[in-house]
Amino acid sequence: MSKQNPLKEAIHSYLDERAKVDELFAVAYKKKNKSIDECCTYIMGEAKKRGNAVCMSDDEVFGLAVHYYDEDNIKINKLPANVKASASVPETKPVKLTEEDEKRAREEAIKRLTEEQYALLKKKPSRSKKEVTEVKQMSLF
């Protein structure tokens, strides 16, 4: 498995582990007419049905992957060439900041928040009272 597609790698790794502990799934996972590439295409097609910019939890993605292997009559939606997927890969170890860096980051965050709030206040339309002009209609009779 190549390191070029983290989504495919994550799904493949999950399915391999699931097949080790779930005997019924292991049988479905070995089906000759199923592939990890087609599984990913199926998941992307299901996500595309939800909209253009979709965020799915790991449980949803892995659930769709298991569903793909469990069902024999799955319809795979064709995807446009420009469809992209990304997977978040957790960091292996957290970064520890020095006290000085923490203080600077905190000050920058406060400054950024202040600027954002000020910009929001400036954008709000003022609610001035509209002058009501009274219109009188002349009567011809």
Protein backbone atom coordinates (compact mmCIF):
# COMPACT_ATOMS: atom_id res chain seq x y z
CA MET A 1 0.00 0.00 0.00
CA SER A 2 1.47 3.35 -1.01
CA LYS A 3 1.86 6.33 1.30
CA GLN A 4 0.19 8.62 -1.23
CA ASN A 5 -3.43 8.25 -0.09
CA PRO A 6 -3.92 8.53 3.69
CA LEU A 7 -7.69 7.96 3.34
CA LYS A 8 -7.20 4.67 1.53
CA GLU A 9 -4.48 3.63 3.98
CA ALA A 10 -6.66 4.39 7.01
CA ILE A 11 -9.61 2.44 5.62
CA HIS A 12 -7.42 -0.50 4.57
CA SER A 13 -5.75 -0.63 7.98
CA TYR A 14 -9.11 -0.52 9.78
CA LEU A 15 -10.58 -3.27 7.61
CA ASP A 16 -7.51 -5.49 8.11
CA GLU A 17 -7.80 -5.14 11.89
CA ARG A 18 -11.55 -5.73 11.82
CA ALA A 19 -11.08 -8.89 9.75
CA LYS A 20 -8.67 -10.22 12.41
CA VAL A 21 -11.24 -9.95 15.22
CA ASP A 22 -14.54 -10.48 13.33
CA GLU A 23 -14.78 -13.87 11.62
CA LEU A 24 -18.01 -13.02 9.76
CA PHE A 25 -16.51 -9.83 8.38
CA ALA A 26 -13.30 -11.68 7.43
CA VAL A 27 -15.36 -13.85 5.05
CA ALA A 28 -16.95 -10.76 3.43
CA TYR A 29 -13.58 -8.99 3.29
CA LYS A 30 -12.11 -11.80 1.15
CA LYS A 31 -14.72 -11.48 -1.61
CA LYS A 32 -13.03 -11.51 -5.04
CA ASN A 33 -15.42 -8.94 -6.54
CA LYS A 34 -14.52 -6.29 -3.90
CA SER A 35 -11.48 -4.00 -3.75
CA ILE A 36 -10.18 -1.25 -1.52
CA ASP A 37 -10.15 1.17 -4.47
CA GLU A 38 -13.81 0.50 -5.24
CA CYS A 39 -14.59 0.72 -1.50
CA CYS A 40 -13.07 4.21 -1.37
CA THR A 41 -14.99 5.21 -4.49
CA TYR A 42 -18.20 3.98 -2.85
CA ILE A 43 -17.51 6.01 0.31
CA MET A 44 -16.69 9.12 -1.72
CA GLY A 45 -19.90 8.68 -3.73
CA GLU A 46 -21.95 8.41 -0.55
CA ALA A 47 -20.26 11.53 0.83
CA LYS A 48 -20.91 13.39 -2.45
CA LYS A 49 -24.63 12.70 -2.03
CA ARG A 50 -24.50 14.84 1.13
CA GLY A 51 -23.06 17.91 -0.60
CA ASN A 52 -19.95 19.49 -2.02
CA ALA A 53 -17.98 20.02 1.19
CA VAL A 54 -18.66 17.15 3.56
CA CYS A 55 -17.05 16.22 6.84
CA MET A 56 -17.57 12.67 8.07
CA SER A 57 -16.52 11.04 11.33
CA ASP A 58 -14.23 8.03 11.35
CA ASP A 59 -17.15 5.86 12.49
CA GLU A 60 -19.24 6.93 9.48
CA VAL A 61 -16.43 6.24 7.00
CA PHE A 62 -15.54 2.87 8.51
CA GLY A 63 -19.23 1.95 8.73
CA LEU A 64 -19.63 2.62 5.00
CA ALA A 65 -16.50 0.55 4.29
CA VAL A 66 -17.89 -2.42 6.23
CA HIS A 67 -21.26 -1.97 4.51
CA TYR A 68 -19.53 -2.03 1.10
CA TYR A 69 -17.95 -5.41 1.87
CA ASP A 70 -21.08 -6.86 3.52
CA GLU A 71 -23.48 -6.08 0.68
CA ASP A 72 -23.25 -7.78 -2.71
CA ASN A 73 -25.62 -5.46 -4.60
CA ILE A 74 -23.94 -2.13 -3.85
CA LYS A 75 -24.25 0.64 -6.42
CA ILE A 76 -21.02 2.58 -6.92
CA ASN A 77 -21.61 6.18 -8.03
CA LYS A 78 -19.20 7.53 -10.62
CA LEU A 79 -17.29 10.55 -9.34
CA PRO A 80 -16.14 13.62 -11.24
CA ALA A 81 -12.37 13.84 -11.76
CA ASN A 82 -12.01 16.84 -9.43
CA VAL A 83 -13.36 15.11 -6.29
CA LYS A 84 -10.81 15.09 -3.47
CA ALA A 85 -10.73 13.53 -0.03
CA SER A 86 -8.50 14.14 2.93
CA ALA A 87 -7.92 12.25 6.12
CA SER A 88 -6.59 13.68 9.32
CA VAL A 89 -3.60 11.82 10.65
CA PRO A 90 -2.98 12.33 14.36
CA GLU A 91 0.44 13.58 15.44
CA THR A 92 2.67 11.03 17.05
CA LYS A 93 3.73 13.28 19.93
CA PRO A 94 2.46 16.63 21.22
CA VAL A 95 4.58 19.75 20.87
CA LYS A 96 5.62 21.41 24.12
CA LEU A 97 5.90 25.20 24.04
CA THR A 98 8.10 27.25 26.31
CA GLU A 99 6.42 29.67 28.71
CA GLU A 100 7.54 32.58 26.53
CA ASP A 101 6.04 30.97 23.40
CA GLU A 102 2.79 30.22 25.25
CA LYS A 103 2.56 33.84 26.42
CA ARG A 104 3.25 35.18 22.90
CA ALA A 105 0.70 32.80 21.33
CA ARG A 106 -1.90 33.82 23.92
CA GLU A 107 -1.29 37.52 23.28
CA GLU A 108 -1.52 37.01 19.52
CA ALA A 109 -4.78 35.07 19.91
CA ILE A 110 -6.27 37.83 22.10
CA LYS A 111 -5.16 40.49 19.60
CA ARG A 112 -6.65 38.53 16.68
CA LEU A 113 -9.93 38.01 18.56
CA THR A 114 -10.10 41.71 19.44
CA GLU A 115 -9.56 42.67 15.79
CA GLU A 116 -12.23 40.21 14.63
CA GLN A 117 -14.76 41.51 17.16
CA TYR A 118 -13.98 45.13 16.21
CA ALA A 119 -14.48 44.30 12.52
CA LEU A 120 -17.84 42.70 13.34
CA LEU A 121 -18.95 45.79 15.26
CA LYS A 122 -18.00 48.04 12.35
CA LYS A 123 -20.00 45.94 9.89
CA LYS A 124 -23.28 46.11 11.80
CA PRO A 125 -25.65 48.61 10.22
CA SER A 126 -26.68 51.40 12.50
CA ARG A 127 -30.30 51.40 13.44
CA SER A 128 -31.18 55.02 12.97
CA LYS A 129 -34.74 56.13 13.19
CA LYS A 130 -36.26 56.66 9.82
CA GLU A 131 -37.98 59.93 9.47
CA VAL A 132 -41.59 59.37 8.69
CA THR A 133 -42.90 61.83 6.20
CA GLU A 134 -46.57 62.29 6.33
CA VAL A 135 -48.21 62.34 2.94
CA LYS A 136 -51.55 64.06 2.62
CA GLN A 137 -53.71 63.56 -0.40
CA MET A 138 -55.80 66.36 -1.62
CA SER A 139 -59.43 65.72 -2.19
CA LEU A 140 -60.98 66.92 -5.41
CA PHE A 141 -64.51 66.66 -4.10
